[in-house]
Amino acid sequence: MLFGEYSKNINSQAVKMIQTANVKTGDSVEVYGVFSAWDIPQTLPEITPAKIIHAGGQ
């Protein structure tokens, strides 16, 4: 998550995008992200999605 007013708007847009993506378990998706964070020992980086693409569309 990002912080500040600008970041709050980016996070809000990302949450809406994730909620409307209609991705189901087993779907293949491509996520284009920005503003990553990687906290050790976390195995996967955290990204704020900028675009989500899957077989059902964008």
Protein backbone atom coordinates (compact mmCIF):
# COMPACT_ATOMS: atom_id res chain seq x y z
CA MET A 1 0.00 0.00 0.00
CA LEU A 2 1.07 3.53 -0.72
CA PHE A 3 0.54 6.52 1.56
CA GLY A 4 -0.60 10.13 1.09
CA GLU A 5 -3.47 11.62 -0.97
CA TYR A 6 -1.97 10.72 -4.38
CA SER A 7 -1.24 7.22 -3.16
CA LYS A 8 -4.71 6.84 -1.67
CA ASN A 9 -6.23 7.46 -5.10
CA ILE A 10 -3.88 4.93 -6.75
CA ASN A 11 -4.69 2.34 -4.08
CA SER A 12 -8.42 2.97 -4.46
CA GLN A 13 -8.23 2.46 -8.23
CA ALA A 14 -6.22 -0.74 -7.75
CA VAL A 15 -8.75 -2.15 -5.27
CA LYS A 16 -11.62 -1.44 -7.70
CA MET A 17 -9.66 -3.12 -10.50
CA ILE A 18 -9.03 -6.23 -8.42
CA GLN A 19 -12.67 -6.45 -7.30
CA THR A 20 -14.03 -6.15 -10.85
CA ALA A 21 -11.51 -8.49 -12.51
CA ASN A 22 -13.73 -11.53 -11.80
CA VAL A 23 -10.71 -13.80 -11.57
CA LYS A 24 -11.45 -17.33 -10.42
CA THR A 25 -9.17 -19.99 -8.98
CA GLY A 26 -7.24 -21.61 -11.82
CA ASP A 27 -7.55 -18.64 -14.20
CA SER A 28 -4.41 -17.49 -15.96
CA VAL A 29 -3.80 -13.78 -15.48
CA GLU A 30 -1.17 -11.18 -16.28
CA VAL A 31 -0.75 -8.37 -13.76
CA TYR A 32 1.17 -5.26 -14.71
CA GLY A 33 2.12 -3.51 -11.52
CA VAL A 34 3.87 -0.49 -10.16
CA PHE A 35 5.21 0.68 -6.81
CA SER A 36 6.48 -2.71 -5.60
CA ALA A 37 7.71 -3.49 -2.12
CA TRP A 38 9.64 -6.57 -1.09
CA ASP A 39 9.96 -7.11 2.64
CA ILE A 40 12.32 -9.90 3.63
CA PRO A 41 11.50 -12.74 4.41
CA GLN A 42 8.37 -12.28 2.28
CA THR A 43 8.65 -14.63 -0.71
CA LEU A 44 6.59 -12.57 -3.16
CA PRO A 45 6.78 -8.83 -3.79
CA GLU A 46 3.73 -6.63 -3.19
CA ILE A 47 2.54 -4.68 -6.21
CA THR A 48 -0.17 -2.17 -6.88
CA PRO A 49 -1.88 -3.40 -10.06
CA ALA A 50 -1.96 -0.96 -12.95
CA LYS A 51 -3.58 -3.42 -15.37
CA ILE A 52 -5.02 -6.93 -15.05
CA ILE A 53 -5.46 -9.05 -18.18
CA HIS A 54 -7.10 -12.49 -18.34
CA ALA A 55 -9.04 -14.59 -20.80
CA GLY A 56 -12.29 -12.82 -19.92
CA GLY A 57 -10.95 -9.41 -20.94
CA GLN A 58 -9.43 -6.47 -19.06
